[in-house]
PDB file of N, CA and C in Angstrom:
ATOM      1  N   MET A   1      20.905   0.775 -69.656  1.00  0.00           N
ATOM      2  CA  MET A   1      21.726   0.017 -68.742  1.00  0.00           C
ATOM      3  C   MET A   1      20.832  -0.964 -67.980  1.00  0.00           C
ATOM      4  N   PRO A   2      21.092  -2.248 -68.095  1.00  0.00           N
ATOM      5  CA  PRO A   2      20.238  -3.221 -67.400  1.00  0.00           C
ATOM      6  C   PRO A   2      20.409  -3.155 -65.879  1.00  0.00           C
ATOM      7  N   LEU A   3      19.354  -3.504 -65.177  1.00  0.00           N
ATOM      8  CA  LEU A   3      19.392  -3.589 -63.721  1.00  0.00           C
ATOM      9  C   LEU A   3      20.095  -4.871 -63.305  1.00  0.00           C
ATOM     10  N   LYS A   4      20.547  -4.934 -62.062  1.00  0.00           N
ATOM     11  CA  LYS A   4      21.205  -6.129 -61.533  1.00  0.00           C
ATOM     12  C   LYS A   4      20.271  -7.330 -61.694  1.00  0.00           C
ATOM     13  N   GLY A   5      20.771  -8.394 -62.346  1.00  0.00           N
ATOM     14  CA  GLY A   5      19.988  -9.616 -62.538  1.00  0.00           C
ATOM     15  C   GLY A   5      18.938  -9.557 -63.630  1.00  0.00           C
ATOM     16  N   GLU A   6      18.895  -8.442 -64.391  1.00  0.00           N
ATOM     17  CA  GLU A   6      17.870  -8.297 -65.427  1.00  0.00           C
ATOM     18  C   GLU A   6      18.258  -9.041 -66.701  1.00  0.00           C
ATOM     19  N   LEU A   7      17.278  -9.700 -67.283  1.00  0.00           N
ATOM     20  CA  LEU A   7      17.477 -10.426 -68.534  1.00  0.00           C
ATOM     21  C   LEU A   7      17.371  -9.463 -69.709  1.00  0.00           C
ATOM     22  N   SER A   8      18.270  -9.599 -70.663  1.00  0.00           N
ATOM     23  CA  SER A   8      18.186  -8.867 -71.925  1.00  0.00           C
ATOM     24  C   SER A   8      18.047  -9.905 -73.030  1.00  0.00           C
ATOM     25  N   ARG A   9      17.059  -9.717 -73.868  1.00  0.00           N
ATOM     26  CA  ARG A   9      16.829 -10.657 -74.955  1.00  0.00           C
ATOM     27  C   ARG A   9      17.282 -10.036 -76.270  1.00  0.00           C
ATOM     28  N   VAL A  10      18.022 -10.809 -77.042  1.00  0.00           N
ATOM     29  CA  VAL A  10      18.563 -10.342 -78.313  1.00  0.00           C
ATOM     30  C   VAL A  10      18.212 -11.373 -79.375  1.00  0.00           C
ATOM     31  N   ALA A  11      17.848 -10.890 -80.563  1.00  0.00           N
ATOM     32  CA  ALA A  11      17.561 -11.788 -81.675  1.00  0.00           C
ATOM     33  C   ALA A  11      18.414 -11.404 -82.878  1.00  0.00           C
ATOM     34  N   PHE A  12      18.987 -12.405 -83.494  1.00  0.00           N
ATOM     35  CA  PHE A  12      19.696 -12.246 -84.757  1.00  0.00           C
ATOM     36  C   PHE A  12      18.818 -12.893 -85.822  1.00  0.00           C
ATOM     37  N   VAL A  13      18.405 -12.086 -86.789  1.00  0.00           N
ATOM     38  CA  VAL A  13      17.465 -12.589 -87.776  1.00  0.00           C
ATOM     39  C   VAL A  13      18.005 -12.306 -89.179  1.00  0.00           C
ATOM     40  N   SER A  14      18.018 -13.329 -89.999  1.00  0.00           N
ATOM     41  CA  SER A  14      18.352 -13.196 -91.418  1.00  0.00           C
ATOM     42  C   SER A  14      17.335 -14.025 -92.188  1.00  0.00           C
ATOM     43  N   PRO A  15      17.364 -13.966 -93.508  1.00  0.00           N
ATOM     44  CA  PRO A  15      16.406 -14.776 -94.267  1.00  0.00           C
ATOM     45  C   PRO A  15      16.542 -16.277 -94.002  1.00  0.00           C
ATOM     46  N   ASP A  16      17.754 -16.731 -93.643  1.00  0.00           N
ATOM     47  CA  ASP A  16      17.983 -18.168 -93.462  1.00  0.00           C
ATOM     48  C   ASP A  16      18.070 -18.620 -92.008  1.00  0.00           C
ATOM     49  N   VAL A  17      18.385 -17.708 -91.104  1.00  0.00           N
ATOM     50  CA  VAL A  17      18.675 -18.102 -89.716  1.00  0.00           C
ATOM     51  C   VAL A  17      17.994 -17.147 -88.741  1.00  0.00           C
ATOM     52  N   ARG A  18      17.477 -17.716 -87.675  1.00  0.00           N
ATOM     53  CA  ARG A  18      16.920 -16.928 -86.567  1.00  0.00           C
ATOM     54  C   ARG A  18      17.512 -17.473 -85.282  1.00  0.00           C
ATOM     55  N   ILE A  19      18.180 -16.620 -84.540  1.00  0.00           N
ATOM     56  CA  ILE A  19      18.824 -17.040 -83.296  1.00  0.00           C
ATOM     57  C   ILE A  19      18.388 -16.081 -82.193  1.00  0.00           C
ATOM     58  N   GLY A  20      17.855 -16.624 -81.130  1.00  0.00           N
ATOM     59  CA  GLY A  20      17.497 -15.825 -79.964  1.00  0.00           C
ATOM     60  C   GLY A  20      18.391 -16.181 -78.794  1.00  0.00           C
ATOM     61  N   ILE A  21      18.860 -15.181 -78.063  1.00  0.00           N
ATOM     62  CA  ILE A  21      19.680 -15.433 -76.883  1.00  0.00           C
ATOM     63  C   ILE A  21      19.217 -14.546 -75.745  1.00  0.00           C
ATOM     64  N   VAL A  22      19.538 -14.970 -74.533  1.00  0.00           N
ATOM     65  CA  VAL A  22      19.255 -14.194 -73.332  1.00  0.00           C
ATOM     66  C   VAL A  22      20.580 -13.919 -72.645  1.00  0.00           C
ATOM     67  N   ILE A  23      20.804 -12.663 -72.300  1.00  0.00           N
ATOM     68  CA  ILE A  23      22.038 -12.243 -71.647  1.00  0.00           C
ATOM     69  C   ILE A  23      21.677 -11.628 -70.301  1.00  0.00           C
ATOM     70  N   VAL A  24      22.451 -11.957 -69.272  1.00  0.00           N
ATOM     71  CA  VAL A  24      22.337 -11.289 -67.973  1.00  0.00           C
ATOM     72  C   VAL A  24      23.665 -10.568 -67.774  1.00  0.00           C
ATOM     73  N   ALA A  25      23.671  -9.265 -68.059  1.00  0.00           N
ATOM     74  CA  ALA A  25      24.914  -8.493 -68.059  1.00  0.00           C
ATOM     75  C   ALA A  25      25.513  -8.336 -66.654  1.00  0.00           C
ATOM     76  N   ASP A  26      24.673  -8.220 -65.641  1.00  0.00           N
ATOM     77  CA  ASP A  26      25.134  -8.015 -64.266  1.00  0.00           C
ATOM     78  C   ASP A  26      24.422  -9.044 -63.373  1.00  0.00           C
ATOM     79  N   PRO A  27      24.901 -10.303 -63.362  1.00  0.00           N
ATOM     80  CA  PRO A  27      24.175 -11.360 -62.659  1.00  0.00           C
ATOM     81  C   PRO A  27      24.247 -11.245 -61.135  1.00  0.00           C
ATOM     82  N   VAL A  28      23.215 -11.787 -60.494  1.00  0.00           N
ATOM     83  CA  VAL A  28      23.207 -11.996 -59.046  1.00  0.00           C
ATOM     84  C   VAL A  28      23.602 -13.450 -58.885  1.00  0.00           C
ATOM     85  N   GLU A  29      24.858 -13.703 -58.491  1.00  0.00           N
ATOM     86  CA  GLU A  29      25.385 -15.058 -58.536  1.00  0.00           C
ATOM     87  C   GLU A  29      26.411 -15.268 -57.428  1.00  0.00           C
ATOM     88  N   ALA A  30      26.471 -16.486 -56.937  1.00  0.00           N
ATOM     89  CA  ALA A  30      27.474 -16.853 -55.928  1.00  0.00           C
ATOM     90  C   ALA A  30      27.899 -18.289 -56.151  1.00  0.00           C
ATOM     91  N   THR A  31      29.149 -18.593 -55.787  1.00  0.00           N
ATOM     92  CA  THR A  31      29.698 -19.941 -55.906  1.00  0.00           C
ATOM     93  C   THR A  31      30.336 -20.325 -54.585  1.00  0.00           C
ATOM     94  N   ASP A  32      30.135 -21.581 -54.188  1.00  0.00           N
ATOM     95  CA  ASP A  32      30.763 -22.114 -52.976  1.00  0.00           C
ATOM     96  C   ASP A  32      31.117 -23.577 -53.222  1.00  0.00           C
ATOM     97  N   LYS A  33      32.399 -23.878 -53.188  1.00  0.00           N
ATOM     98  CA  LYS A  33      32.904 -25.252 -53.288  1.00  0.00           C
ATOM     99  C   LYS A  33      32.289 -26.031 -54.453  1.00  0.00           C
ATOM    100  N   GLY A  34      32.231 -25.411 -55.625  1.00  0.00           N
ATOM    101  CA  GLY A  34      31.745 -26.096 -56.820  1.00  0.00           C
ATOM    102  C   GLY A  34      30.262 -25.972 -57.094  1.00  0.00           C
ATOM    103  N   CYS A  35      29.491 -25.396 -56.176  1.00  0.00           N
ATOM    104  CA  CYS A  35      28.060 -25.166 -56.392  1.00  0.00           C
ATOM    105  C   CYS A  35      27.841 -23.688 -56.719  1.00  0.00           C
ATOM    106  N   THR A  36      26.964 -23.426 -57.683  1.00  0.00           N
ATOM    107  CA  THR A  36      26.674 -22.053 -58.087  1.00  0.00           C
ATOM    108  C   THR A  36      25.175 -21.821 -58.013  1.00  0.00           C
ATOM    109  N   ILE A  37      24.787 -20.616 -57.579  1.00  0.00           N
ATOM    110  CA  ILE A  37      23.384 -20.208 -57.572  1.00  0.00           C
ATOM    111  C   ILE A  37      23.294 -18.861 -58.281  1.00  0.00           C
ATOM    112  N   THR A  38      22.261 -18.710 -59.114  1.00  0.00           N
ATOM    113  CA  THR A  38      22.021 -17.469 -59.847  1.00  0.00           C
ATOM    114  C   THR A  38      20.566 -17.065 -59.658  1.00  0.00           C
ATOM    115  N   ALA A  39      20.329 -15.782 -59.388  1.00  0.00           N
ATOM    116  CA  ALA A  39      18.978 -15.234 -59.280  1.00  0.00           C
ATOM    117  C   ALA A  39      18.759 -14.302 -60.461  1.00  0.00           C
ATOM    118  N   LYS A  40      17.686 -14.543 -61.204  1.00  0.00           N
ATOM    119  CA  LYS A  40      17.355 -13.710 -62.362  1.00  0.00           C
ATOM    120  C   LYS A  40      16.105 -12.902 -62.049  1.00  0.00           C
ATOM    121  N   ARG A  41      16.154 -11.634 -62.395  1.00  0.00           N
ATOM    122  CA  ARG A  41      15.053 -10.688 -62.171  1.00  0.00           C
ATOM    123  C   ARG A  41      13.929 -11.000 -63.163  1.00  0.00           C
ATOM    124  N   MET A  42      12.742 -11.334 -62.660  1.00  0.00           N
ATOM    125  CA  MET A  42      11.620 -11.652 -63.536  1.00  0.00           C
ATOM    126  C   MET A  42      10.648 -10.479 -63.689  1.00  0.00           C
ATOM    127  N   ASN A  43      10.795  -9.455 -62.864  1.00  0.00           N
ATOM    128  CA  ASN A  43      10.033  -8.220 -63.052  1.00  0.00           C
ATOM    129  C   ASN A  43      10.905  -7.053 -62.582  1.00  0.00           C
ATOM    130  N   ARG A  44      10.519  -5.846 -62.933  1.00  0.00           N
ATOM    131  CA  ARG A  44      11.353  -4.672 -62.669  1.00  0.00           C
ATOM    132  C   ARG A  44      11.657  -4.494 -61.180  1.00  0.00           C
ATOM    133  N   ALA A  45      10.694  -4.740 -60.312  1.00  0.00           N
ATOM    134  CA  ALA A  45      10.884  -4.540 -58.873  1.00  0.00           C
ATOM    135  C   ALA A  45      11.638  -5.689 -58.204  1.00  0.00           C
ATOM    136  N   PHE A  46      11.950  -6.743 -58.950  1.00  0.00           N
ATOM    137  CA  PHE A  46      12.647  -7.933 -58.435  1.00  0.00           C
ATOM    138  C   PHE A  46      11.858  -8.588 -57.301  1.00  0.00           C
ATOM    139  N   THR A  47      10.527  -8.480 -57.386  1.00  0.00           N
ATOM    140  CA  THR A  47       9.661  -9.156 -56.416  1.00  0.00           C
ATOM    141  C   THR A  47       9.335 -10.573 -56.854  1.00  0.00           C
ATOM    142  N   LEU A  48       9.868 -10.964 -58.003  1.00  0.00           N
ATOM    143  CA  LEU A  48       9.809 -12.344 -58.465  1.00  0.00           C
ATOM    144  C   LEU A  48      11.174 -12.676 -59.052  1.00  0.00           C
ATOM    145  N   ALA A  49      11.789 -13.727 -58.539  1.00  0.00           N
ATOM    146  CA  ALA A  49      13.109 -14.152 -59.011  1.00  0.00           C
ATOM    147  C   ALA A  49      13.051 -15.601 -59.445  1.00  0.00           C
ATOM    148  N   PHE A  50      13.805 -15.926 -60.486  1.00  0.00           N
ATOM    149  CA  PHE A  50      13.981 -17.301 -60.921  1.00  0.00           C
ATOM    150  C   PHE A  50      15.380 -17.710 -60.499  1.00  0.00           C
ATOM    151  N   LEU A  51      15.481 -18.759 -59.688  1.00  0.00           N
ATOM    152  CA  LEU A  51      16.767 -19.242 -59.200  1.00  0.00           C
ATOM    153  C   LEU A  51      17.163 -20.497 -59.949  1.00  0.00           C
ATOM    154  N   SER A  52      18.429 -20.578 -60.284  1.00  0.00           N
ATOM    155  CA  SER A  52      18.959 -21.811 -60.850  1.00  0.00           C
ATOM    156  C   SER A  52      20.302 -22.074 -60.183  1.00  0.00           C
ATOM    157  N   GLY A  53      20.569 -23.347 -59.978  1.00  0.00           N
ATOM    158  CA  GLY A  53      21.823 -23.726 -59.336  1.00  0.00           C
ATOM    159  C   GLY A  53      22.417 -24.947 -60.014  1.00  0.00           C
ATOM    160  N   THR A  54      23.734 -25.029 -60.023  1.00  0.00           N
ATOM    161  CA  THR A  54      24.435 -26.168 -60.606  1.00  0.00           C
ATOM    162  C   THR A  54      25.486 -26.676 -59.628  1.00  0.00           C
ATOM    163  N   GLY A  55      25.903 -27.921 -59.837  1.00  0.00           N
ATOM    164  CA  GLY A  55      26.951 -28.499 -59.005  1.00  0.00           C
ATOM    165  C   GLY A  55      26.450 -29.250 -57.787  1.00  0.00           C
ATOM    166  N   TYR A  56      25.143 -29.443 -57.691  1.00  0.00           N
ATOM    167  CA  TYR A  56      24.550 -30.140 -56.550  1.00  0.00           C
ATOM    168  C   TYR A  56      24.516 -31.641 -56.802  1.00  0.00           C
ATOM    169  N   PRO A  57      24.365 -32.458 -55.771  1.00  0.00           N
ATOM    170  CA  PRO A  57      24.271 -33.903 -55.984  1.00  0.00           C
ATOM    171  C   PRO A  57      23.075 -34.236 -56.884  1.00  0.00           C
ATOM    172  N   PRO A  58      23.256 -35.089 -57.887  1.00  0.00           N
ATOM    173  CA  PRO A  58      22.154 -35.437 -58.801  1.00  0.00           C
ATOM    174  C   PRO A  58      21.016 -36.174 -58.086  1.00  0.00           C
ATOM    175  N   ASN A  59      19.806 -35.919 -58.559  1.00  0.00           N
ATOM    176  CA  ASN A  59      18.598 -36.621 -58.082  1.00  0.00           C
ATOM    177  C   ASN A  59      18.490 -36.625 -56.562  1.00  0.00           C
ATOM    178  N   SER A  60      18.672 -35.467 -55.952  1.00  0.00           N
ATOM    179  CA  SER A  60      18.658 -35.365 -54.489  1.00  0.00           C
ATOM    180  C   SER A  60      17.706 -34.272 -54.037  1.00  0.00           C
ATOM    181  N   ASP A  61      17.255 -34.392 -52.788  1.00  0.00           N
ATOM    182  CA  ASP A  61      16.502 -33.310 -52.171  1.00  0.00           C
ATOM    183  C   ASP A  61      17.497 -32.245 -51.739  1.00  0.00           C
ATOM    184  N   ILE A  62      17.315 -31.028 -52.232  1.00  0.00           N
ATOM    185  CA  ILE A  62      18.204 -29.920 -51.935  1.00  0.00           C
ATOM    186  C   ILE A  62      17.413 -28.890 -51.138  1.00  0.00           C
ATOM    187  N   HIS A  63      17.956 -28.460 -50.024  1.00  0.00           N
ATOM    188  CA  HIS A  63      17.279 -27.506 -49.146  1.00  0.00           C
ATOM    189  C   HIS A  63      17.690 -26.083 -49.497  1.00  0.00           C
ATOM    190  N   TYR A  64      16.704 -25.193 -49.463  1.00  0.00           N
ATOM    191  CA  TYR A  64      17.045 -23.788 -49.633  1.00  0.00           C
ATOM    192  C   TYR A  64      16.233 -22.940 -48.679  1.00  0.00           C
ATOM    193  N   THR A  65      16.848 -21.843 -48.260  1.00  0.00           N
ATOM    194  CA  THR A  65      16.268 -20.930 -47.291  1.00  0.00           C
ATOM    195  C   THR A  65      16.079 -19.576 -47.952  1.00  0.00           C
ATOM    196  N   VAL A  66      14.885 -18.994 -47.792  1.00  0.00           N
ATOM    197  CA  VAL A  66      14.587 -17.666 -48.296  1.00  0.00           C
ATOM    198  C   VAL A  66      14.349 -16.766 -47.092  1.00  0.00           C
ATOM    199  N   SER A  67      15.112 -15.671 -47.025  1.00  0.00           N
ATOM    200  CA  SER A  67      14.958 -14.708 -45.928  1.00  0.00           C
ATOM    201  C   SER A  67      14.684 -13.335 -46.517  1.00  0.00           C
ATOM    202  N   SER A  68      13.642 -12.683 -46.012  1.00  0.00           N
ATOM    203  CA  SER A  68      13.340 -11.302 -46.364  1.00  0.00           C
ATOM    204  C   SER A  68      12.673 -10.716 -45.131  1.00  0.00           C
ATOM    205  N   GLU A  69      11.353 -10.628 -45.113  1.00  0.00           N
ATOM    206  CA  GLU A  69      10.656 -10.248 -43.890  1.00  0.00           C
ATOM    207  C   GLU A  69      10.648 -11.405 -42.892  1.00  0.00           C
ATOM    208  N   MET A  70      10.563 -12.593 -43.417  1.00  0.00           N
ATOM    209  CA  MET A  70      10.535 -13.817 -42.621  1.00  0.00           C
ATOM    210  C   MET A  70      11.557 -14.774 -43.220  1.00  0.00           C
ATOM    211  N   THR A  71      11.800 -15.872 -42.533  1.00  0.00           N
ATOM    212  CA  THR A  71      12.680 -16.909 -43.061  1.00  0.00           C
ATOM    213  C   THR A  71      11.865 -18.173 -43.261  1.00  0.00           C
ATOM    214  N   ASN A  72      11.964 -18.739 -44.456  1.00  0.00           N
ATOM    215  CA  ASN A  72      11.240 -19.959 -44.790  1.00  0.00           C
ATOM    216  C   ASN A  72      12.198 -20.955 -45.416  1.00  0.00           C
ATOM    217  N   ASP A  73      12.013 -22.220 -45.091  1.00  0.00           N
ATOM    218  CA  ASP A  73      12.830 -23.292 -45.640  1.00  0.00           C
ATOM    219  C   ASP A  73      11.993 -24.114 -46.619  1.00  0.00           C
ATOM    220  N   PHE A  74      12.635 -24.520 -47.723  1.00  0.00           N
ATOM    221  CA  PHE A  74      11.971 -25.289 -48.766  1.00  0.00           C
ATOM    222  C   PHE A  74      12.888 -26.421 -49.216  1.00  0.00           C
ATOM    223  N   VAL A  75      12.326 -27.359 -49.955  1.00  0.00           N
ATOM    224  CA  VAL A  75      13.097 -28.449 -50.545  1.00  0.00           C
ATOM    225  C   VAL A  75      12.756 -28.506 -52.027  1.00  0.00           C
ATOM    226  N   VAL A  76      13.789 -28.661 -52.848  1.00  0.00           N
ATOM    227  CA  VAL A  76      13.622 -28.816 -54.288  1.00  0.00           C
ATOM    228  C   VAL A  76      14.445 -30.027 -54.705  1.00  0.00           C
ATOM    229  N   LYS A  77      14.002 -30.736 -55.702  1.00  0.00           N
ATOM    230  CA  LYS A  77      14.704 -31.930 -56.188  1.00  0.00           C
ATOM    231  C   LYS A  77      15.662 -31.524 -57.298  1.00  0.00           C
ATOM    232  N   SER A  78      16.920 -31.937 -57.193  1.00  0.00           N
ATOM    233  CA  SER A  78      17.869 -31.694 -58.282  1.00  0.00           C
ATOM    234  C   SER A  78      17.619 -32.703 -59.396  1.00  0.00           C
ATOM    235  N   ASP A  79      17.980 -32.323 -60.613  1.00  0.00           N
ATOM    236  CA  ASP A  79      17.808 -33.254 -61.725  1.00  0.00           C
ATOM    237  C   ASP A  79      19.014 -34.185 -61.827  1.00  0.00           C
ATOM    238  N   GLY A  80      19.060 -34.995 -62.864  1.00  0.00           N
ATOM    239  CA  GLY A  80      20.122 -35.977 -63.032  1.00  0.00           C
ATOM    240  C   GLY A  80      21.506 -35.383 -63.225  1.00  0.00           C
ATOM    241  N   LYS A  81      21.571 -34.088 -63.543  1.00  0.00           N
ATOM    242  CA  LYS A  81      22.862 -33.417 -63.719  1.00  0.00           C
ATOM    243  C   LYS A  81      23.239 -32.560 -62.509  1.00  0.00           C
ATOM    244  N   GLY A  82      22.408 -32.568 -61.462  1.00  0.00           N
ATOM    245  CA  GLY A  82      22.699 -31.775 -60.274  1.00  0.00           C
ATOM    246  C   GLY A  82      22.272 -30.318 -60.384  1.00  0.00           C
ATOM    247  N   THR A  83      21.296 -30.043 -61.257  1.00  0.00           N
ATOM    248  CA  THR A  83      20.781 -28.691 -61.443  1.00  0.00           C
ATOM    249  C   THR A  83      19.495 -28.530 -60.643  1.00  0.00           C
ATOM    250  N   VAL A  84      19.329 -27.370 -60.020  1.00  0.00           N
ATOM    251  CA  VAL A  84      18.095 -27.050 -59.294  1.00  0.00           C
ATOM    252  C   VAL A  84      17.493 -25.780 -59.871  1.00  0.00           C
ATOM    253  N   ARG A  85      16.167 -25.682 -59.787  1.00  0.00           N
ATOM    254  CA  ARG A  85      15.447 -24.502 -60.261  1.00  0.00           C
ATOM    255  C   ARG A  85      14.299 -24.224 -59.302  1.00  0.00           C
ATOM    256  N   ALA A  86      14.084 -22.939 -59.024  1.00  0.00           N
ATOM    257  CA  ALA A  86      12.982 -22.546 -58.141  1.00  0.00           C
ATOM    258  C   ALA A  86      12.631 -21.090 -58.404  1.00  0.00           C
ATOM    259  N   SER A  87      11.418 -20.704 -58.065  1.00  0.00           N
ATOM    260  CA  SER A  87      10.992 -19.311 -58.129  1.00  0.00           C
ATOM    261  C   SER A  87      10.833 -18.795 -56.710  1.00  0.00           C
ATOM    262  N   VAL A  88      11.124 -17.512 -56.521  1.00  0.00           N
ATOM    263  CA  VAL A  88      11.047 -16.912 -55.192  1.00  0.00           C
ATOM    264  C   VAL A  88      10.286 -15.597 -55.271  1.00  0.00           C
ATOM    265  N   ILE A  89       9.339 -15.431 -54.358  1.00  0.00           N
ATOM    266  CA  ILE A  89       8.661 -14.156 -54.132  1.00  0.00           C
ATOM    267  C   ILE A  89       9.119 -13.713 -52.742  1.00  0.00           C
ATOM    268  N   PRO A  90       9.966 -12.681 -52.645  1.00  0.00           N
ATOM    269  CA  PRO A  90      10.609 -12.384 -51.371  1.00  0.00           C
ATOM    270  C   PRO A  90       9.793 -11.587 -50.359  1.00  0.00           C
ATOM    271  N   PHE A  91       8.578 -11.175 -50.684  1.00  0.00           N
ATOM    272  CA  PHE A  91       7.860 -10.319 -49.752  1.00  0.00           C
ATOM    273  C   PHE A  91       6.522 -10.923 -49.340  1.00  0.00           C
ATOM    274  N   PRO A  92       6.492 -11.702 -48.279  1.00  0.00           N
ATOM    275  CA  PRO A  92       5.227 -12.310 -47.878  1.00  0.00           C
ATOM    276  C   PRO A  92       4.305 -11.358 -47.121  1.00  0.00           C
ATOM    277  N   GLY A  93       4.800 -10.217 -46.676  1.00  0.00           N
ATOM    278  CA  GLY A  93       4.003  -9.324 -45.844  1.00  0.00           C
ATOM    279  C   GLY A  93       3.632  -8.035 -46.532  1.00  0.00           C
ATOM    280  N   LYS A  94       3.642  -6.948 -45.761  1.00  0.00           N
ATOM    281  CA  LYS A  94       3.151  -5.671 -46.258  1.00  0.00           C
ATOM    282  C   LYS A  94       4.251  -4.671 -46.596  1.00  0.00           C
ATOM    283  N   LYS A  95       5.496  -5.044 -46.389  1.00  0.00           N
ATOM    284  CA  LYS A  95       6.578  -4.125 -46.724  1.00  0.00           C
ATOM    285  C   LYS A  95       6.594  -3.858 -48.225  1.00  0.00           C
ATOM    286  N   LYS A  96       7.063  -2.686 -48.595  1.00  0.00           N
ATOM    287  CA  LYS A  96       7.116  -2.292 -50.008  1.00  0.00           C
ATOM    288  C   LYS A  96       8.492  -2.526 -50.620  1.00  0.00           C
ATOM    289  N   GLU A  97       9.515  -2.774 -49.780  1.00  0.00           N
ATOM    290  CA  GLU A  97      10.856  -3.026 -50.298  1.00  0.00           C
ATOM    291  C   GLU A  97      11.686  -3.701 -49.220  1.00  0.00           C
ATOM    292  N   GLY A  98      12.785  -4.279 -49.636  1.00  0.00           N
ATOM    293  CA  GLY A  98      13.655  -4.959 -48.677  1.00  0.00           C
ATOM    294  C   GLY A  98      14.795  -5.660 -49.392  1.00  0.00           C
ATOM    295  N   THR A  99      15.432  -6.557 -48.672  1.00  0.00           N
ATOM    296  CA  THR A  99      16.522  -7.355 -49.220  1.00  0.00           C
ATOM    297  C   THR A  99      16.176  -8.818 -49.051  1.00  0.00           C
ATOM    298  N   ALA A 100      16.289  -9.559 -50.127  1.00  0.00           N
ATOM    299  CA  ALA A 100      16.040 -11.007 -50.093  1.00  0.00           C
ATOM    300  C   ALA A 100      17.382 -11.722 -50.058  1.00  0.00           C
ATOM    301  N   ARG A 101      17.435 -12.804 -49.315  1.00  0.00           N
ATOM    302  CA  ARG A 101      18.613 -13.672 -49.267  1.00  0.00           C
ATOM    303  C   ARG A 101      18.151 -15.099 -49.502  1.00  0.00           C
ATOM    304  N   VAL A 102      18.853 -15.799 -50.373  1.00  0.00           N
ATOM    305  CA  VAL A 102      18.539 -17.195 -50.646  1.00  0.00           C
ATOM    306  C   VAL A 102      19.824 -17.991 -50.532  1.00  0.00           C
ATOM    307  N   LYS A 103      19.754 -19.064 -49.744  1.00  0.00           N
ATOM    308  CA  LYS A 103      20.891 -19.961 -49.569  1.00  0.00           C
ATOM    309  C   LYS A 103      20.441 -21.366 -49.949  1.00  0.00           C
ATOM    310  N   ILE A 104      21.148 -21.971 -50.895  1.00  0.00           N
ATOM    311  CA  ILE A 104      20.849 -23.341 -51.304  1.00  0.00           C
ATOM    312  C   ILE A 104      21.944 -24.224 -50.733  1.00  0.00           C
ATOM    313  N   THR A 105      21.547 -25.193 -49.907  1.00  0.00           N
ATOM    314  CA  THR A 105      22.492 -25.974 -49.129  1.00  0.00           C
ATOM    315  C   THR A 105      22.498 -27.434 -49.530  1.00  0.00           C
ATOM    316  N   ALA A 106      23.699 -27.954 -49.735  1.00  0.00           N
ATOM    317  CA  ALA A 106      23.918 -29.388 -49.940  1.00  0.00           C
ATOM    318  C   ALA A 106      24.999 -29.810 -48.952  1.00  0.00           C
ATOM    319  N   ALA A 107      25.298 -31.091 -48.889  1.00  0.00           N
ATOM    320  CA  ALA A 107      26.290 -31.586 -47.930  1.00  0.00           C
ATOM    321  C   ALA A 107      27.665 -30.965 -48.158  1.00  0.00           C
ATOM    322  N   ASN A 108      27.990 -30.640 -49.414  1.00  0.00           N
ATOM    323  CA  ASN A 108      29.330 -30.162 -49.731  1.00  0.00           C
ATOM    324  C   ASN A 108      29.430 -28.670 -49.999  1.00  0.00           C
ATOM    325  N   CYS A 109      28.310 -27.937 -50.025  1.00  0.00           N
ATOM    326  CA  CYS A 109      28.377 -26.518 -50.377  1.00  0.00           C
ATOM    327  C   CYS A 109      27.126 -25.781 -49.905  1.00  0.00           C
ATOM    328  N   ALA A 110      27.231 -24.447 -49.880  1.00  0.00           N
ATOM    329  CA  ALA A 110      26.087 -23.626 -49.470  1.00  0.00           C
ATOM    330  C   ALA A 110      26.230 -22.195 -49.984  1.00  0.00           C
ATOM    331  N   PRO A 111      26.149 -21.980 -51.316  1.00  0.00           N
ATOM    332  CA  PRO A 111      26.228 -20.608 -51.811  1.00  0.00           C
ATOM    333  C   PRO A 111      24.981 -19.811 -51.427  1.00  0.00           C
ATOM    334  N   GLU A 112      25.160 -18.490 -51.301  1.00  0.00           N
ATOM    335  CA  GLU A 112      24.062 -17.605 -50.910  1.00  0.00           C
ATOM    336  C   GLU A 112      24.096 -16.353 -51.775  1.00  0.00           C
ATOM    337  N   VAL A 113      22.928 -15.927 -52.249  1.00  0.00           N
ATOM    338  CA  VAL A 113      22.806 -14.691 -53.013  1.00  0.00           C
ATOM    339  C   VAL A 113      21.831 -13.764 -52.290  1.00  0.00           C
ATOM    340  N   SER A 114      21.947 -12.476 -52.576  1.00  0.00           N
ATOM    341  CA  SER A 114      20.994 -11.505 -52.024  1.00  0.00           C
ATOM    342  C   SER A 114      20.762 -10.416 -53.062  1.00  0.00           C
ATOM    343  N   TRP A 115      19.585  -9.784 -52.968  1.00  0.00           N
ATOM    344  CA  TRP A 115      19.247  -8.684 -53.860  1.00  0.00           C
ATOM    345  C   TRP A 115      18.223  -7.785 -53.195  1.00  0.00           C
ATOM    346  N   LYS A 116      18.228  -6.530 -53.617  1.00  0.00           N
ATOM    347  CA  LYS A 116      17.229  -5.566 -53.134  1.00  0.00           C
ATOM    348  C   LYS A 116      16.010  -5.676 -54.031  1.00  0.00           C
ATOM    349  N   TRP A 117      14.825  -5.654 -53.412  1.00  0.00           N
ATOM    350  CA  TRP A 117      13.580  -5.723 -54.167  1.00  0.00           C
ATOM    351  C   TRP A 117      12.686  -4.556 -53.765  1.00  0.00           C
ATOM    352  N   GLY A 118      11.724  -4.243 -54.605  1.00  0.00           N
ATOM    353  CA  GLY A 118      10.759  -3.182 -54.316  1.00  0.00           C
ATOM    354  C   GLY A 118      11.025  -1.953 -55.140  1.00  0.00           C
ATOM    355  N   SER A 119      10.962  -0.781 -54.531  1.00  0.00           N
ATOM    356  CA  SER A 119      11.145   0.493 -55.247  1.00  0.00           C
ATOM    357  C   SER A 119      12.503   0.544 -55.917  1.00  0.00           C
ATOM    358  N   ILE A 120      12.506   1.070 -57.110  1.00  0.00           N
ATOM    359  CA  ILE A 120      13.772   1.186 -57.857  1.00  0.00           C
ATOM    360  C   ILE A 120      14.225   2.621 -57.846  1.00  0.00           C
TER     361      ILE A 120
END
């Protein structure tokens, strides 16, 4: 059974065709007014997350806030299709576990996701 936000990789292989896919069976995802944010688990403890978002204004500075032990604000540039991508390490201090919250904000939307990280 996959963990919340965990990637599962599947390959279909035959003599003529090779197809690889990635499935996230239980995504960490939120949508607000047409904008979507997804957090993918990059390690078992979820101390590294890959964030992707869609529906943002194209070619714009997009602000996002990461809260765990501390709160930090960052800026990422959306691409020509309004997609954003960022990596998050939610534990800047000495805690061994906690809850991370990430909010990606644009003028028209502000979806927020959260996940537990650390001990499983």
